[in-house]
Amino acid sequence: MFHITPMYFLIILAMVVSGLIQWRLRSKFAKYAQVGLQSNLSGRQIAELMLQDHGITDVRVISTPGKLSDHYNPTDKTVNLSEAVYEERSAAAAAVAAHECGHAVQHATAYAALQFRSAMVPMLSSVSKYMTWILLAGIFMLQTTAIPLWIGIALFSLTTLFSFVTLPVEFDASRRALAWIDRRGIVTQQEHAMAKDALWWAAMTYVVAALASLATLLYYVSIAMGGRDRR
């Protein structure tokens, strides 16, 4: 009979919560996208203004396809705004544009957490190609040797570390964004509250992802420890 362990239950719970938060995030952005800014600035204009105010002249603001596909690319120094955010003049667009520029400011000021996360990217790109296969092989070989599984666990722990390092990077970018749009008069008090709420829900997706990664890591550890105990 199949037995659901506490760790397995936590992974399922994390997946359910993640789905709910993603749904809530999309509904919040859809709602706040309907609220026009009194300043009447588009996402592109807000991003360019924030970069200008921070003395950043080597970062371009470009449009990228998709929804919620917004991101800052430190490699080519571009603030990539989804098509809607790039053109829209809403509380949601203001929040996203300023947040992504917050990452550009982090890059320009050598924010330690961002530097550490960026340094991990090349290594994680290589690890991701083999990690799943090593974990599967480790589980199949567990009755013979636990070494492959522990190697897979070590590799997976890097992805978990990356998830947790991402948290201060995202929260700090939102903090910078909200402080700037308020100080610059980009938003009214009501629009500021909307922008803050939207960014909070966006941040929660990273929190849940980090906790889910940790739960999965502990699940693999429990399998390895269980296999060791049976030998």
C-alpha atoms as a PDB file:
ATOM      1  CA  MET A   1       0.000   0.000   0.000  1.00  0.00           C
ATOM      2  CA  PHE A   2       1.305   3.441  -0.952  1.00  0.00           C
ATOM      3  CA  HIS A   3       2.300   5.477   2.077  1.00  0.00           C
ATOM      4  CA  ILE A   4       2.489   9.277   1.968  1.00  0.00           C
ATOM      5  CA  THR A   5       5.401  10.396   4.138  1.00  0.00           C
ATOM      6  CA  PRO A   6       5.420  13.820   5.841  1.00  0.00           C
ATOM      7  CA  MET A   7       8.095  15.036   3.395  1.00  0.00           C
ATOM      8  CA  TYR A   8       6.083  13.874   0.395  1.00  0.00           C
ATOM      9  CA  PHE A   9       3.035  15.639   1.831  1.00  0.00           C
ATOM     10  CA  LEU A  10       5.044  18.863   2.199  1.00  0.00           C
ATOM     11  CA  ILE A  11       6.091  18.698  -1.454  1.00  0.00           C
ATOM     12  CA  ILE A  12       2.483  18.236  -2.577  1.00  0.00           C
ATOM     13  CA  LEU A  13       1.377  21.070  -0.282  1.00  0.00           C
ATOM     14  CA  ALA A  14       4.078  23.355  -1.692  1.00  0.00           C
ATOM     15  CA  MET A  15       2.918  22.596  -5.242  1.00  0.00           C
ATOM     16  CA  VAL A  16      -0.699  23.400  -4.352  1.00  0.00           C
ATOM     17  CA  VAL A  17       0.239  26.624  -2.551  1.00  0.00           C
ATOM     18  CA  SER A  18       2.502  27.635  -5.449  1.00  0.00           C
ATOM     19  CA  GLY A  19      -0.367  27.180  -7.893  1.00  0.00           C
ATOM     20  CA  LEU A  20      -2.697  29.253  -5.726  1.00  0.00           C
ATOM     21  CA  ILE A  21      -0.161  32.055  -5.357  1.00  0.00           C
ATOM     22  CA  GLN A  22       0.492  32.092  -9.105  1.00  0.00           C
ATOM     23  CA  TRP A  23      -3.264  32.378  -9.691  1.00  0.00           C
ATOM     24  CA  ARG A  24      -3.539  35.147  -7.090  1.00  0.00           C
ATOM     25  CA  LEU A  25      -0.569  36.993  -8.610  1.00  0.00           C
ATOM     26  CA  ARG A  26      -2.104  36.931 -12.085  1.00  0.00           C
ATOM     27  CA  SER A  27      -5.449  38.129 -10.780  1.00  0.00           C
ATOM     28  CA  LYS A  28      -3.793  40.980  -8.859  1.00  0.00           C
ATOM     29  CA  PHE A  29      -1.820  42.129 -11.889  1.00  0.00           C
ATOM     30  CA  ALA A  30      -4.900  41.897 -14.092  1.00  0.00           C
ATOM     31  CA  LYS A  31      -6.812  44.030 -11.577  1.00  0.00           C
ATOM     32  CA  TYR A  32      -4.116  46.661 -11.122  1.00  0.00           C
ATOM     33  CA  ALA A  33      -3.434  46.794 -14.853  1.00  0.00           C
ATOM     34  CA  GLN A  34      -6.863  48.390 -15.163  1.00  0.00           C
ATOM     35  CA  VAL A  35      -5.916  51.260 -12.850  1.00  0.00           C
ATOM     36  CA  GLY A  36      -4.479  54.114 -14.918  1.00  0.00           C
ATOM     37  CA  LEU A  37      -1.672  56.181 -13.419  1.00  0.00           C
ATOM     38  CA  GLN A  38      -2.393  59.809 -12.719  1.00  0.00           C
ATOM     39  CA  SER A  39       1.168  60.546 -13.860  1.00  0.00           C
ATOM     40  CA  ASN A  40       0.232  58.906 -17.209  1.00  0.00           C
ATOM     41  CA  LEU A  41       3.710  57.367 -17.630  1.00  0.00           C
ATOM     42  CA  SER A  42       4.182  54.064 -19.435  1.00  0.00           C
ATOM     43  CA  GLY A  43       6.259  51.212 -18.060  1.00  0.00           C
ATOM     44  CA  ARG A  44       9.015  52.062 -20.526  1.00  0.00           C
ATOM     45  CA  GLN A  45       9.057  55.721 -19.489  1.00  0.00           C
ATOM     46  CA  ILE A  46       9.124  54.813 -15.795  1.00  0.00           C
ATOM     47  CA  ALA A  47      12.015  52.393 -16.326  1.00  0.00           C
ATOM     48  CA  GLU A  48      14.029  54.904 -18.333  1.00  0.00           C
ATOM     49  CA  LEU A  49      13.388  57.619 -15.742  1.00  0.00           C
ATOM     50  CA  MET A  50      14.463  55.403 -12.842  1.00  0.00           C
ATOM     51  CA  LEU A  51      17.673  54.429 -14.633  1.00  0.00           C
ATOM     52  CA  GLN A  52      18.344  58.092 -15.409  1.00  0.00           C
ATOM     53  CA  ASP A  53      17.769  59.140 -11.791  1.00  0.00           C
ATOM     54  CA  HIS A  54      20.323  56.553 -10.638  1.00  0.00           C
ATOM     55  CA  GLY A  55      22.903  57.667 -13.178  1.00  0.00           C
ATOM     56  CA  ILE A  56      22.723  54.411 -15.147  1.00  0.00           C
ATOM     57  CA  THR A  57      23.389  55.109 -18.816  1.00  0.00           C
ATOM     58  CA  ASP A  58      24.537  51.720 -20.126  1.00  0.00           C
ATOM     59  CA  VAL A  59      21.267  49.788 -19.622  1.00  0.00           C
ATOM     60  CA  ARG A  60      18.620  49.555 -22.351  1.00  0.00           C
ATOM     61  CA  VAL A  61      14.866  49.132 -21.775  1.00  0.00           C
ATOM     62  CA  ILE A  62      13.386  46.737 -24.324  1.00  0.00           C
ATOM     63  CA  SER A  63      10.099  44.931 -24.923  1.00  0.00           C
ATOM     64  CA  THR A  64       9.930  41.135 -24.615  1.00  0.00           C
ATOM     65  CA  PRO A  65       7.089  38.750 -25.609  1.00  0.00           C
ATOM     66  CA  GLY A  66       4.831  37.038 -23.084  1.00  0.00           C
ATOM     67  CA  LYS A  67       3.039  37.846 -19.837  1.00  0.00           C
ATOM     68  CA  LEU A  68       4.933  38.240 -16.550  1.00  0.00           C
ATOM     69  CA  SER A  69       8.105  37.614 -18.559  1.00  0.00           C
ATOM     70  CA  ASP A  70       9.725  40.770 -17.218  1.00  0.00           C
ATOM     71  CA  HIS A  71      13.346  40.478 -16.088  1.00  0.00           C
ATOM     72  CA  TYR A  72      16.705  42.203 -15.909  1.00  0.00           C
ATOM     73  CA  ASN A  73      19.559  40.607 -17.846  1.00  0.00           C
ATOM     74  CA  PRO A  74      22.924  41.513 -16.275  1.00  0.00           C
ATOM     75  CA  THR A  75      24.830  39.912 -19.154  1.00  0.00           C
ATOM     76  CA  ASP A  76      23.707  42.339 -21.854  1.00  0.00           C
ATOM     77  CA  LYS A  77      22.453  44.996 -19.412  1.00  0.00           C
ATOM     78  CA  THR A  78      18.851  45.128 -20.557  1.00  0.00           C
ATOM     79  CA  VAL A  79      15.620  45.691 -18.654  1.00  0.00           C
ATOM     80  CA  ASN A  80      13.197  43.377 -20.451  1.00  0.00           C
ATOM     81  CA  LEU A  81       9.567  44.402 -20.008  1.00  0.00           C
ATOM     82  CA  SER A  82       6.683  42.284 -21.264  1.00  0.00           C
ATOM     83  CA  GLU A  83       4.727  43.919 -24.063  1.00  0.00           C
ATOM     84  CA  ALA A  84       1.849  44.918 -21.790  1.00  0.00           C
ATOM     85  CA  VAL A  85       4.082  46.428 -19.099  1.00  0.00           C
ATOM     86  CA  TYR A  86       6.208  48.223 -21.707  1.00  0.00           C
ATOM     87  CA  GLU A  87       3.207  50.094 -23.116  1.00  0.00           C
ATOM     88  CA  GLU A  88       0.756  50.236 -20.198  1.00  0.00           C
ATOM     89  CA  ARG A  89       0.257  53.246 -17.947  1.00  0.00           C
ATOM     90  CA  SER A  90      -1.010  51.448 -14.858  1.00  0.00           C
ATOM     91  CA  ALA A  91      -0.155  50.726 -11.231  1.00  0.00           C
ATOM     92  CA  ALA A  92       0.878  47.183 -12.197  1.00  0.00           C
ATOM     93  CA  ALA A  93       3.156  48.402 -14.992  1.00  0.00           C
ATOM     94  CA  ALA A  94       4.760  50.950 -12.668  1.00  0.00           C
ATOM     95  CA  ALA A  95       5.458  48.261 -10.059  1.00  0.00           C
ATOM     96  CA  VAL A  96       7.020  45.818 -12.522  1.00  0.00           C
ATOM     97  CA  ALA A  97       9.071  48.383 -14.446  1.00  0.00           C
ATOM     98  CA  ALA A  98      10.520  49.899 -11.285  1.00  0.00           C
ATOM     99  CA  HIS A  99      11.199  46.464  -9.777  1.00  0.00           C
ATOM    100  CA  GLU A 100      13.220  45.309 -12.789  1.00  0.00           C
ATOM    101  CA  CYS A 101      15.148  48.577 -12.735  1.00  0.00           C
ATOM    102  CA  GLY A 102      15.771  47.847  -9.064  1.00  0.00           C
ATOM    103  CA  HIS A 103      17.849  44.895 -10.266  1.00  0.00           C
ATOM    104  CA  ALA A 104      19.763  47.181 -12.626  1.00  0.00           C
ATOM    105  CA  VAL A 105      20.519  49.474  -9.677  1.00  0.00           C
ATOM    106  CA  GLN A 106      21.691  46.451  -7.677  1.00  0.00           C
ATOM    107  CA  HIS A 107      24.014  45.535 -10.536  1.00  0.00           C
ATOM    108  CA  ALA A 108      25.363  49.065 -10.837  1.00  0.00           C
ATOM    109  CA  THR A 109      26.022  49.292  -7.094  1.00  0.00           C
ATOM    110  CA  ALA A 110      27.541  45.784  -6.825  1.00  0.00           C
ATOM    111  CA  TYR A 111      24.842  44.504  -4.485  1.00  0.00           C
ATOM    112  CA  ALA A 112      26.448  41.458  -2.842  1.00  0.00           C
ATOM    113  CA  ALA A 113      23.494  39.060  -3.016  1.00  0.00           C
ATOM    114  CA  LEU A 114      23.000  39.742  -6.739  1.00  0.00           C
ATOM    115  CA  GLN A 115      26.698  39.238  -7.419  1.00  0.00           C
ATOM    116  CA  PHE A 116      26.647  35.916  -5.568  1.00  0.00           C
ATOM    117  CA  ARG A 117      23.533  34.756  -7.431  1.00  0.00           C
ATOM    118  CA  SER A 118      24.986  35.778 -10.796  1.00  0.00           C
ATOM    119  CA  ALA A 119      28.199  33.894 -10.008  1.00  0.00           C
ATOM    120  CA  MET A 120      26.142  30.740  -9.373  1.00  0.00           C
ATOM    121  CA  VAL A 121      24.342  30.831 -12.737  1.00  0.00           C
ATOM    122  CA  PRO A 122      27.068  29.253 -14.939  1.00  0.00           C
ATOM    123  CA  MET A 123      27.597  26.449 -12.438  1.00  0.00           C
ATOM    124  CA  LEU A 124      23.870  25.763 -12.115  1.00  0.00           C
ATOM    125  CA  SER A 125      23.484  25.697 -15.892  1.00  0.00           C
ATOM    126  CA  SER A 126      25.946  22.808 -16.008  1.00  0.00           C
ATOM    127  CA  VAL A 127      24.498  21.071 -12.944  1.00  0.00           C
ATOM    128  CA  SER A 128      20.928  21.141 -14.272  1.00  0.00           C
ATOM    129  CA  LYS A 129      21.907  19.041 -17.298  1.00  0.00           C
ATOM    130  CA  TYR A 130      22.859  16.024 -15.186  1.00  0.00           C
ATOM    131  CA  MET A 131      21.248  16.464 -11.768  1.00  0.00           C
ATOM    132  CA  THR A 132      17.907  14.768 -12.472  1.00  0.00           C
ATOM    133  CA  TRP A 133      19.552  11.763 -14.100  1.00  0.00           C
ATOM    134  CA  ILE A 134      22.025  11.386 -11.237  1.00  0.00           C
ATOM    135  CA  LEU A 135      19.206  11.521  -8.674  1.00  0.00           C
ATOM    136  CA  LEU A 136      17.187   8.894 -10.569  1.00  0.00           C
ATOM    137  CA  ALA A 137      20.228   6.668 -10.947  1.00  0.00           C
ATOM    138  CA  GLY A 138      20.992   7.130  -7.251  1.00  0.00           C
ATOM    139  CA  ILE A 139      17.500   6.009  -6.238  1.00  0.00           C
ATOM    140  CA  PHE A 140      17.677   2.909  -8.465  1.00  0.00           C
ATOM    141  CA  MET A 141      21.136   2.023  -7.131  1.00  0.00           C
ATOM    142  CA  LEU A 142      20.314   2.759  -3.501  1.00  0.00           C
ATOM    143  CA  GLN A 143      20.234  -0.896  -2.443  1.00  0.00           C
ATOM    144  CA  THR A 144      23.767  -1.296  -3.797  1.00  0.00           C
ATOM    145  CA  THR A 145      25.371   2.043  -2.962  1.00  0.00           C
ATOM    146  CA  ALA A 146      24.130   5.415  -1.771  1.00  0.00           C
ATOM    147  CA  ILE A 147      27.027   7.380  -3.278  1.00  0.00           C
ATOM    148  CA  PRO A 148      25.289   8.427  -6.558  1.00  0.00           C
ATOM    149  CA  LEU A 149      22.227   9.614  -4.652  1.00  0.00           C
ATOM    150  CA  TRP A 150      24.336  11.668  -2.248  1.00  0.00           C
ATOM    151  CA  ILE A 151      26.113  13.213  -5.236  1.00  0.00           C
ATOM    152  CA  GLY A 152      22.707  14.108  -6.693  1.00  0.00           C
ATOM    153  CA  ILE A 153      21.664  15.558  -3.341  1.00  0.00           C
ATOM    154  CA  ALA A 154      24.809  17.697  -3.235  1.00  0.00           C
ATOM    155  CA  LEU A 155      24.011  19.034  -6.694  1.00  0.00           C
ATOM    156  CA  PHE A 156      20.358  19.649  -5.808  1.00  0.00           C
ATOM    157  CA  SER A 157      21.447  21.538  -2.684  1.00  0.00           C
ATOM    158  CA  LEU A 158      23.050  24.105  -4.992  1.00  0.00           C
ATOM    159  CA  THR A 159      19.701  24.796  -6.652  1.00  0.00           C
ATOM    160  CA  THR A 160      18.103  25.124  -3.218  1.00  0.00           C
ATOM    161  CA  LEU A 161      20.808  27.563  -2.155  1.00  0.00           C
ATOM    162  CA  PHE A 162      20.190  29.536  -5.343  1.00  0.00           C
ATOM    163  CA  SER A 163      16.468  29.734  -4.522  1.00  0.00           C
ATOM    164  CA  PHE A 164      17.184  31.180  -1.081  1.00  0.00           C
ATOM    165  CA  VAL A 165      19.843  33.601  -2.343  1.00  0.00           C
ATOM    166  CA  THR A 166      17.216  34.879  -4.781  1.00  0.00           C
ATOM    167  CA  LEU A 167      14.946  36.000  -1.935  1.00  0.00           C
ATOM    168  CA  PRO A 168      16.966  38.987  -0.645  1.00  0.00           C
ATOM    169  CA  VAL A 169      17.656  39.991  -4.260  1.00  0.00           C
ATOM    170  CA  GLU A 170      13.935  40.139  -5.082  1.00  0.00           C
ATOM    171  CA  PHE A 171      12.843  41.784  -1.836  1.00  0.00           C
ATOM    172  CA  ASP A 172      15.570  44.416  -2.119  1.00  0.00           C
ATOM    173  CA  ALA A 173      14.629  45.213  -5.741  1.00  0.00           C
ATOM    174  CA  SER A 174      11.009  45.739  -4.660  1.00  0.00           C
ATOM    175  CA  ARG A 175      12.111  47.917  -1.744  1.00  0.00           C
ATOM    176  CA  ARG A 176      14.171  50.106  -4.072  1.00  0.00           C
ATOM    177  CA  ALA A 177      11.326  50.270  -6.590  1.00  0.00           C
ATOM    178  CA  LEU A 178       8.652  51.301  -4.100  1.00  0.00           C
ATOM    179  CA  ALA A 179      10.883  53.898  -2.446  1.00  0.00           C
ATOM    180  CA  TRP A 180      11.751  55.463  -5.807  1.00  0.00           C
ATOM    181  CA  ILE A 181       8.246  55.602  -7.333  1.00  0.00           C
ATOM    182  CA  ASP A 182       7.017  57.177  -4.096  1.00  0.00           C
ATOM    183  CA  ARG A 183       9.882  59.670  -3.826  1.00  0.00           C
ATOM    184  CA  ARG A 184       9.648  60.618  -7.524  1.00  0.00           C
ATOM    185  CA  GLY A 185       5.881  61.115  -7.389  1.00  0.00           C
ATOM    186  CA  ILE A 186       5.245  58.453 -10.024  1.00  0.00           C
ATOM    187  CA  VAL A 187       2.269  57.122  -8.067  1.00  0.00           C
ATOM    188  CA  THR A 188      -0.387  58.448  -5.733  1.00  0.00           C
ATOM    189  CA  GLN A 189      -0.823  56.994  -2.265  1.00  0.00           C
ATOM    190  CA  GLN A 190      -3.533  54.638  -3.525  1.00  0.00           C
ATOM    191  CA  GLU A 191      -1.466  53.572  -6.547  1.00  0.00           C
ATOM    192  CA  HIS A 192       1.535  52.996  -4.275  1.00  0.00           C
ATOM    193  CA  ALA A 193      -0.528  50.596  -2.163  1.00  0.00           C
ATOM    194  CA  MET A 194      -1.526  48.688  -5.304  1.00  0.00           C
ATOM    195  CA  ALA A 195       2.061  48.506  -6.548  1.00  0.00           C
ATOM    196  CA  LYS A 196       3.232  47.278  -3.139  1.00  0.00           C
ATOM    197  CA  ASP A 197       0.534  44.611  -3.044  1.00  0.00           C
ATOM    198  CA  ALA A 198       1.392  43.386  -6.547  1.00  0.00           C
ATOM    199  CA  LEU A 199       5.108  43.133  -5.726  1.00  0.00           C
ATOM    200  CA  TRP A 200       4.351  41.333  -2.457  1.00  0.00           C
ATOM    201  CA  TRP A 201       2.461  38.591  -4.294  1.00  0.00           C
ATOM    202  CA  ALA A 202       5.257  38.359  -6.843  1.00  0.00           C
ATOM    203  CA  ALA A 203       7.764  37.931  -4.005  1.00  0.00           C
ATOM    204  CA  MET A 204       5.655  35.170  -2.487  1.00  0.00           C
ATOM    205  CA  THR A 205       6.179  33.045  -5.608  1.00  0.00           C
ATOM    206  CA  TYR A 206       9.920  33.076  -4.881  1.00  0.00           C
ATOM    207  CA  VAL A 207       9.351  32.263  -1.206  1.00  0.00           C
ATOM    208  CA  VAL A 208       7.199  29.247  -2.029  1.00  0.00           C
ATOM    209  CA  ALA A 209       9.682  28.101  -4.692  1.00  0.00           C
ATOM    210  CA  ALA A 210      12.515  28.226  -2.163  1.00  0.00           C
ATOM    211  CA  LEU A 211      10.522  26.311   0.460  1.00  0.00           C
ATOM    212  CA  ALA A 212       9.450  23.726  -2.144  1.00  0.00           C
ATOM    213  CA  SER A 213      13.072  23.251  -3.171  1.00  0.00           C
ATOM    214  CA  LEU A 214      14.070  22.770   0.466  1.00  0.00           C
ATOM    215  CA  ALA A 215      11.253  20.259   1.025  1.00  0.00           C
ATOM    216  CA  THR A 216      12.336  18.315  -2.062  1.00  0.00           C
ATOM    217  CA  LEU A 217      15.950  18.336  -0.911  1.00  0.00           C
ATOM    218  CA  LEU A 218      14.946  16.972   2.501  1.00  0.00           C
ATOM    219  CA  TYR A 219      12.821  14.340   0.766  1.00  0.00           C
ATOM    220  CA  TYR A 220      15.841  13.066  -1.171  1.00  0.00           C
ATOM    221  CA  VAL A 221      17.908  13.108   2.026  1.00  0.00           C
ATOM    222  CA  SER A 222      15.244  11.050   3.800  1.00  0.00           C
ATOM    223  CA  ILE A 223      15.357   8.484   0.949  1.00  0.00           C
ATOM    224  CA  ALA A 224      19.143   8.283   1.203  1.00  0.00           C
ATOM    225  CA  MET A 225      19.033   7.933   4.992  1.00  0.00           C
ATOM    226  CA  GLY A 226      16.282   5.311   4.766  1.00  0.00           C
ATOM    227  CA  GLY A 227      18.288   3.291   2.268  1.00  0.00           C
ATOM    228  CA  ARG A 228      21.305   3.425   4.536  1.00  0.00           C
ATOM    229  CA  ASP A 229      19.277   2.240   7.522  1.00  0.00           C
ATOM    230  CA  ARG A 230      17.980  -0.785   5.602  1.00  0.00           C
ATOM    231  CA  ARG A 231      21.453  -2.045   4.734  1.00  0.00           C
END
